[in-house]
Amino acid sequence: METQILEPTAGGEFAPTTTYLNTSSCGLLPRRTVRAVAALAQELADGRPGGAGDFSAVTATRESFARIAGVPHERVAVGGSVSVHVGLIAASLPPGSEVLFPEGEYASVITPFTVRGDLKTRFAPLEGLADAVRPGTALVAFSSVQSADGRVADTSAVRAAAAAHGARTLLDASQSAGWQPLAAGDWDYTVTGGFKFLLCPRGVSFLTVTEDAQEALPPLHAGTFAAERLWETTYGPIEETATSARRYDEPPAFLSYHGAAQSLALLERVGIDAVRAHDTALARRFRAGLVELGHEPVPADSAIVAVPGLGHRAGELAGAGILLSERAGNLRASFHLYNSPADVERVLDRLAG
C-alpha cells in the first residue's frame, strides 16, 4: 500500500506561489510564523514596553525543540548559527586532537576546526566513516544527512565505533531534523540550523550537550542570557553560569524566535513520523520518475534527492517557477510538508522536455 501523503497546505498554513523543492536551502515559513514575526515587528515600530521581545518565546522554542529531539530542555542551548555552536566545540579541544569528518562534509562543520591550525583533521568516505574511527580519534563530526546529495549516514555504526575508541561525537542534524526522528541524547553534541526542515526564520539554531560532555565545554561566549538567574546579573561579571546547557546560549534574535515557537508547534502537531512518511514518499516517487527518464539519482532513502550531472538545469527550472538547487554538480530536490505529488509530476515533466 502506498504511504499516505499529507495535505500539503497543512491546514492552510502554506500557499507557495512556486513549485518549491528547495527546503534543503531554506524552508518556507508557515503563515502562523509570519504573523508572529509581523506582530512583534509592528510592536517594535510602535514602541514596545517590554523591549525587543519576550523570552517566553525563546523558552517555548527551546522546549519544543527538546521534545522533537527527545532530550530534556535543560540539554538544549539556543543560538543563531550552526557555525558558532561548532566553533565553541572546536575551541574546547586540546591542541593535537584528531577530528574525523566525512569527505564532502558541509563547510560549517569542518572549518571551525581547521582554522585553529593546531588540530589533526582526517577525512573518510561517508560509507566508511565508522571503520575510520581509530584509537586517538578525539571527535567524529558529521551530518546525519549530507547536504550535497541527501545520503543518510549509518549513525548506529558511527556511534558504536566512537564508543569503542573513546571518541566524542558531533552530529549536525540541519538536513534531517524536522523530517527524520532525532535522538539527540545519543550524541555528545548535536547542532541544528532551524531555517530548513524545521521551518523557522533564519537566526534560529540549536546545540544539545550531554551532561558528561558539558564538563569539557567551557561557556566561552557567555553573556547575560547564560546566567543561572536571568536578569540578576546585568553589570559586572556573571558569577554563576547556568548549570544547564543554557550556559551556551547566544543572545536570541527575538523576531526569529517569536516565529520559531510557532513553526515548531506546527511540526509537533503534525508529528515528525507523519512528516517523514510524507516527505520520503514524495522523494521515492521522484526517484522512480527520474529512473524512467534515464537518470540515476544518488541512492538514499531520504527526503533529499540529488541527480548527478543535472545541476546545470536548476536555472532553467527556476525560470519555469520550479525551485531546486545545484550542489556539487547535482540537481538537488528536497521535499517537505508543503509539497504534493503534483509538484513531483511538474518537475519530471519539465525534465522530460
Protein backbone atom coordinates (compact mmCIF):
# COMPACT_ATOMS: atom_id res chain seq x y z
CA MET A 1 0.00 0.00 0.00
CA GLU A 2 1.29 3.47 -0.86
CA THR A 3 2.35 5.68 2.01
CA GLN A 4 -0.22 8.29 2.94
CA ILE A 5 0.55 11.73 1.53
CA LEU A 6 -0.40 14.62 3.80
CA GLU A 7 -2.50 17.56 2.72
CA PRO A 8 0.28 19.94 1.56
CA THR A 9 -1.37 23.10 2.87
CA ALA A 10 -1.19 21.74 6.46
CA GLY A 11 -4.48 23.28 7.45
CA GLY A 12 -3.99 26.40 5.36
CA GLU A 13 -0.53 27.17 6.77
CA PHE A 14 1.19 27.14 3.37
CA ALA A 15 0.30 28.55 -0.03
CA PRO A 16 3.51 28.67 -2.11
CA THR A 17 3.31 30.52 -5.40
CA THR A 18 6.06 28.37 -6.94
CA THR A 19 6.83 24.67 -7.09
CA TYR A 20 9.18 24.86 -4.14
CA LEU A 21 11.56 21.91 -3.82
CA ASN A 22 14.40 23.72 -2.08
CA THR A 23 13.89 23.16 1.66
CA SER A 24 17.50 21.96 1.96
CA SER A 25 18.46 25.58 1.32
CA CYS A 26 15.65 27.29 3.21
CA GLY A 27 12.25 26.13 4.39
CA LEU A 28 9.03 28.03 3.76
CA LEU A 29 7.56 29.92 6.70
CA PRO A 30 4.11 28.88 7.89
CA ARG A 31 1.53 31.64 7.98
CA ARG A 32 1.36 31.47 11.78
CA THR A 33 5.11 32.16 11.87
CA VAL A 34 4.81 35.14 9.56
CA ARG A 35 2.02 36.56 11.71
CA ALA A 36 4.10 36.22 14.88
CA VAL A 37 7.12 37.95 13.34
CA ALA A 38 4.98 40.70 11.83
CA ALA A 39 3.20 41.31 15.14
CA LEU A 40 6.45 41.76 17.04
CA ALA A 41 7.91 43.92 14.28
CA GLN A 42 4.88 46.21 14.45
CA GLU A 43 5.16 46.44 18.24
CA LEU A 44 8.82 47.37 17.89
CA ALA A 45 7.87 50.06 15.38
CA ASP A 46 5.20 51.40 17.73
CA GLY A 47 7.39 51.44 20.83
CA ARG A 48 7.14 48.21 22.77
CA PRO A 49 7.11 48.48 26.58
CA GLY A 50 8.75 45.08 27.04
CA GLY A 51 11.78 45.74 24.87
CA ALA A 52 13.00 43.61 21.96
CA GLY A 53 10.78 40.59 22.56
CA ASP A 54 9.54 38.02 25.04
CA PHE A 55 11.96 35.49 26.48
CA SER A 56 8.93 33.24 26.90
CA ALA A 57 9.06 32.69 23.12
CA VAL A 58 12.68 31.54 23.45
CA THR A 59 11.70 29.20 26.26
CA ALA A 60 8.80 27.79 24.23
CA THR A 61 11.11 27.24 21.25
CA ARG A 62 13.74 25.52 23.40
CA GLU A 63 11.15 23.23 24.98
CA SER A 64 9.53 22.41 21.64
CA PHE A 65 12.87 21.53 20.05
CA ALA A 66 13.76 19.42 23.10
CA ARG A 67 10.61 17.36 22.58
CA ILE A 68 11.39 16.96 18.88
CA ALA A 69 14.99 15.99 19.72
CA GLY A 70 13.99 13.64 22.53
CA VAL A 71 16.01 15.30 25.29
CA PRO A 72 15.19 17.36 28.40
CA HIS A 73 15.07 21.09 27.67
CA GLU A 74 17.99 21.55 30.07
CA ARG A 75 20.19 19.88 27.44
CA VAL A 76 19.35 22.47 24.74
CA ALA A 77 21.15 25.75 24.06
CA VAL A 78 19.79 28.25 21.56
CA GLY A 79 21.68 30.45 19.16
CA GLY A 80 21.82 31.99 15.72
CA SER A 81 24.00 29.73 13.58
CA VAL A 82 25.47 26.25 13.44
CA SER A 83 28.99 27.54 12.82
CA VAL A 84 29.01 29.40 16.17
CA HIS A 85 27.97 26.23 18.01
CA VAL A 86 30.63 24.21 16.17
CA GLY A 87 33.21 26.90 16.88
CA LEU A 88 32.52 26.59 20.60
CA ILE A 89 33.15 22.83 20.43
CA ALA A 90 36.26 23.31 18.28
CA ALA A 91 37.70 25.80 20.78
CA SER A 92 37.33 23.27 23.60
CA LEU A 93 39.63 20.63 22.11
CA PRO A 94 43.23 20.32 23.34
CA PRO A 95 45.96 21.04 20.75
CA GLY A 96 46.82 17.99 18.68
CA SER A 97 43.38 16.41 18.98
CA GLU A 98 42.28 14.38 15.97
CA VAL A 99 38.90 15.16 14.40
CA LEU A 100 37.40 12.82 11.81
CA PHE A 101 34.96 14.04 9.11
CA PRO A 102 33.24 12.50 6.08
CA GLU A 103 34.59 13.54 2.70
CA GLY A 104 32.48 16.33 1.24
CA GLU A 105 31.03 17.36 4.60
CA TYR A 106 29.43 20.81 4.85
CA ALA A 107 31.98 23.56 5.47
CA SER A 108 30.38 24.86 8.68
CA VAL A 109 31.05 21.52 10.35
CA ILE A 110 34.71 21.45 9.27
CA THR A 111 36.12 24.97 9.14
CA PRO A 112 35.85 25.92 12.85
CA PHE A 113 38.29 23.05 13.48
CA THR A 114 40.67 23.63 10.56
CA VAL A 115 41.14 27.36 11.22
CA ARG A 116 42.70 26.59 14.59
CA GLY A 117 45.78 25.21 12.89
CA ASP A 118 46.78 23.00 15.82
CA LEU A 119 44.31 20.13 15.40
CA LYS A 120 44.73 16.98 13.34
CA THR A 121 41.95 16.55 10.80
CA ARG A 122 41.21 13.43 8.83
CA PHE A 123 38.60 12.55 6.20
CA ALA A 124 36.98 9.28 5.17
CA PRO A 125 34.19 8.29 2.76
CA LEU A 126 30.77 8.57 4.43
CA GLU A 127 30.15 4.86 3.94
CA GLY A 128 33.42 4.04 5.69
CA LEU A 129 33.26 6.64 8.45
CA ALA A 130 32.68 4.13 11.25
CA ASP A 131 35.61 1.98 10.08
CA ALA A 132 37.86 5.04 10.03
CA VAL A 133 37.47 5.77 13.75
CA ARG A 134 40.66 4.68 15.49
CA PRO A 135 42.43 4.91 18.83
CA GLY A 136 43.39 8.53 19.32
CA THR A 137 40.38 9.95 17.46
CA ALA A 138 39.06 12.66 19.77
CA LEU A 139 35.90 13.63 17.89
CA VAL A 140 33.83 12.38 14.97
CA ALA A 141 31.93 15.29 13.36
CA PHE A 142 29.40 14.64 10.61
CA SER A 143 25.91 15.35 9.27
CA SER A 144 23.21 12.73 9.64
CA VAL A 145 22.05 13.61 6.11
CA GLN A 146 24.51 15.05 3.61
CA SER A 147 23.71 18.48 2.19
CA ALA A 148 25.17 17.87 -1.28
CA ASP A 149 23.28 14.69 -2.16
CA GLY A 150 20.93 13.57 0.61
CA ARG A 151 22.87 10.46 1.60
CA VAL A 152 21.97 9.19 5.07
CA ALA A 153 24.81 8.28 7.42
CA ASP A 154 24.91 4.94 9.24
CA THR A 155 24.54 6.65 12.59
CA SER A 156 24.37 3.43 14.61
CA ALA A 157 27.70 2.22 13.23
CA VAL A 158 29.41 5.57 13.81
CA ARG A 159 28.08 5.81 17.36
CA ALA A 160 29.27 2.28 18.16
CA ALA A 161 32.73 2.87 16.67
CA ALA A 162 33.15 6.14 18.55
CA ALA A 163 32.17 4.49 21.83
CA ALA A 164 34.59 1.63 21.21
CA HIS A 165 37.51 4.04 20.78
CA GLY A 166 36.53 6.65 23.37
CA ALA A 167 35.81 9.38 20.80
CA ARG A 168 33.20 12.06 21.32
CA THR A 169 30.58 12.68 18.65
CA LEU A 170 29.17 15.79 16.98
CA LEU A 171 26.08 15.30 14.82
CA ASP A 172 24.79 18.05 12.52
CA ALA A 173 21.04 17.49 12.09
CA SER A 174 20.38 20.55 9.93
CA GLN A 175 19.32 18.45 6.91
CA SER A 176 17.32 15.92 8.90
CA ALA A 177 15.63 17.48 11.94
CA GLY A 178 12.04 18.20 11.01
CA TRP A 179 11.55 15.15 8.78
CA GLN A 180 13.72 12.47 10.39
CA PRO A 181 13.47 11.47 14.07
CA LEU A 182 16.31 12.85 16.16
CA ALA A 183 17.58 11.18 19.34
CA ALA A 184 19.94 13.96 20.39
CA GLY A 185 20.84 12.23 23.62
CA ASP A 186 22.73 9.57 21.64
CA TRP A 187 25.40 12.13 20.77
CA ASP A 188 27.78 14.21 22.85
CA TYR A 189 26.80 17.24 20.80
CA THR A 190 24.23 17.97 18.14
CA VAL A 191 23.89 21.18 16.13
CA THR A 192 20.86 22.08 14.05
CA GLY A 193 20.04 25.05 11.84
CA GLY A 194 16.38 25.91 12.28
CA PHE A 195 15.71 27.52 8.91
CA LYS A 196 15.47 24.37 6.80
CA PHE A 197 13.14 21.47 7.61
CA LEU A 198 12.25 22.98 11.00
CA LEU A 199 10.59 25.88 9.10
CA CYS A 200 11.99 28.59 11.39
CA PRO A 201 13.21 32.04 10.34
CA ARG A 202 16.95 32.45 9.91
CA GLY A 203 18.67 33.31 13.16
CA VAL A 204 17.47 30.18 14.99
CA SER A 205 19.79 27.27 15.79
CA PHE A 206 20.15 24.64 18.47
CA LEU A 207 23.02 22.99 20.33
CA THR A 208 22.45 19.95 22.51
CA VAL A 209 25.08 18.81 25.00
CA THR A 210 25.02 15.73 27.21
CA GLU A 211 25.74 16.24 30.89
CA ASP A 212 29.03 14.37 30.53
CA ALA A 213 30.17 16.41 27.50
CA GLN A 214 29.24 19.66 29.25
CA GLU A 215 32.08 19.11 31.71
CA ALA A 216 34.62 19.63 28.90
CA LEU A 217 32.86 22.54 27.16
CA PRO A 218 33.53 25.98 28.67
CA PRO A 219 30.93 28.71 28.00
CA LEU A 220 33.37 30.89 26.09
CA HIS A 221 30.81 33.38 24.79
CA ALA A 222 28.74 33.56 27.98
CA GLY A 223 26.64 36.71 28.20
CA THR A 224 23.62 37.93 30.10
CA PHE A 225 21.42 35.07 28.87
CA ALA A 226 23.90 32.46 30.14
CA ALA A 227 23.42 33.37 33.81
CA GLU A 228 21.88 30.81 36.15
CA ARG A 229 19.49 33.51 37.42
CA LEU A 230 18.36 35.54 34.45
CA TRP A 231 18.26 39.32 34.77
CA GLU A 232 20.03 39.35 38.16
CA THR A 233 23.49 39.96 36.65
CA THR A 234 23.30 42.78 34.15
CA TYR A 235 26.51 44.62 35.07
CA GLY A 236 29.82 43.17 36.10
CA PRO A 237 30.90 39.59 35.58
CA ILE A 238 28.40 36.77 35.84
CA GLU A 239 29.42 34.80 38.89
CA GLU A 240 27.30 31.72 38.17
CA THR A 241 26.55 30.50 34.67
CA ALA A 242 23.57 28.25 34.14
CA THR A 243 24.05 24.69 35.32
CA SER A 244 22.17 23.51 32.22
CA ALA A 245 23.13 23.80 28.55
CA ARG A 246 21.60 27.28 28.66
CA ARG A 247 25.09 28.45 29.69
CA TYR A 248 25.91 28.19 25.94
CA ASP A 249 23.00 30.38 24.80
CA GLU A 250 23.73 33.19 22.40
CA PRO A 251 21.65 36.35 22.79
CA PRO A 252 18.46 35.38 20.94
CA ALA A 253 17.19 37.15 17.85
CA PHE A 254 13.71 37.77 19.23
CA LEU A 255 11.99 38.30 15.89
CA SER A 256 13.23 34.92 14.74
CA TYR A 257 12.37 33.15 17.97
CA HIS A 258 8.86 34.58 18.13
CA GLY A 259 8.36 32.92 14.75
CA ALA A 260 10.24 29.74 15.62
CA ALA A 261 7.92 28.95 18.52
CA GLN A 262 5.03 28.85 16.05
CA SER A 263 6.89 26.77 13.44
CA LEU A 264 7.96 24.08 15.88
CA ALA A 265 4.48 23.93 17.41
CA LEU A 266 3.12 23.19 13.93
CA LEU A 267 5.63 20.40 13.36
CA GLU A 268 4.78 18.91 16.75
CA ARG A 269 1.09 18.99 15.88
CA VAL A 270 1.61 17.22 12.56
CA GLY A 271 4.18 14.80 14.03
CA ILE A 272 7.68 14.05 12.75
CA ASP A 273 6.79 10.46 11.85
CA ALA A 274 3.95 11.69 9.64
CA VAL A 275 6.20 14.30 8.04
CA ARG A 276 8.87 11.66 7.36
CA ALA A 277 6.36 9.35 5.70
CA HIS A 278 5.07 12.22 3.54
CA ASP A 279 8.48 13.60 2.55
CA THR A 280 10.10 10.27 1.73
CA ALA A 281 7.06 9.03 -0.21
CA LEU A 282 7.32 12.05 -2.50
CA ALA A 283 11.08 11.58 -2.80
CA ARG A 284 10.65 7.92 -3.77
CA ARG A 285 8.08 8.91 -6.38
CA PHE A 286 10.53 11.43 -7.79
CA ARG A 287 13.37 8.88 -7.83
CA ALA A 288 11.23 6.38 -9.70
CA GLY A 289 10.29 9.01 -12.28
CA LEU A 290 13.92 10.00 -12.75
CA VAL A 291 14.88 6.40 -13.46
CA GLU A 292 12.12 6.15 -16.06
CA LEU A 293 13.64 9.22 -17.73
CA GLY A 294 17.06 7.54 -17.81
CA HIS A 295 18.63 9.42 -14.90
CA GLU A 296 20.33 7.80 -11.90
CA PRO A 297 19.77 9.68 -8.63
CA VAL A 298 22.18 9.23 -5.76
CA PRO A 299 20.97 6.17 -3.79
CA ALA A 300 19.37 7.17 -0.49
CA ASP A 301 16.12 6.72 1.41
CA SER A 302 15.93 10.42 2.09
CA ALA A 303 13.70 13.46 1.68
CA ILE A 304 16.54 14.89 -0.41
CA VAL A 305 17.12 13.66 -3.96
CA ALA A 306 20.28 14.51 -5.91
CA VAL A 307 20.80 13.82 -9.62
CA PRO A 308 24.45 13.90 -10.72
CA GLY A 309 25.20 15.89 -13.85
CA LEU A 310 21.90 17.79 -13.94
CA GLY A 311 22.84 20.72 -11.72
CA HIS A 312 23.09 22.98 -14.76
CA ARG A 313 19.31 22.73 -15.25
CA ALA A 314 18.47 24.48 -11.97
CA GLY A 315 18.39 27.89 -13.65
CA GLU A 316 16.09 26.69 -16.42
CA LEU A 317 13.72 25.13 -13.89
CA ALA A 318 13.71 28.31 -11.81
CA GLY A 319 12.64 30.20 -14.90
CA ALA A 320 9.63 27.88 -15.09
CA GLY A 321 8.75 28.51 -11.45
CA ILE A 322 10.29 25.26 -10.14
CA LEU A 323 12.85 25.99 -7.43
CA LEU A 324 15.60 23.44 -6.76
CA SER A 325 19.34 23.76 -6.09
CA GLU A 326 22.61 22.99 -7.81
CA ARG A 327 25.02 21.42 -5.33
CA ALA A 328 28.38 19.84 -6.24
CA GLY A 329 27.15 19.33 -9.81
CA ASN A 330 23.94 17.67 -8.62
CA LEU A 331 20.41 18.84 -9.23
CA ARG A 332 19.06 18.68 -5.68
CA ALA A 333 15.38 18.48 -4.81
CA SER A 334 14.10 18.37 -1.24
CA PHE A 335 10.53 17.51 -0.31
CA HIS A 336 8.62 18.71 2.72
CA LEU A 337 5.25 19.37 4.30
CA TYR A 338 4.03 21.81 1.65
CA ASN A 339 4.80 19.57 -1.35
CA SER A 340 2.43 17.27 -3.21
CA PRO A 341 2.51 14.61 -5.95
CA ALA A 342 1.62 17.38 -8.42
CA ASP A 343 4.98 19.02 -7.64
CA VAL A 344 6.76 15.77 -8.46
CA GLU A 345 4.96 15.42 -11.78
CA ARG A 346 5.60 19.02 -12.75
CA VAL A 347 9.39 18.79 -12.32
CA LEU A 348 9.52 15.40 -14.05
CA ASP A 349 7.54 16.76 -17.00
CA ARG A 350 9.93 19.69 -17.27
CA LEU A 351 12.99 17.44 -17.11
CA ALA A 352 11.48 15.27 -19.83
CA GLY A 353 11.44 18.32 -22.06
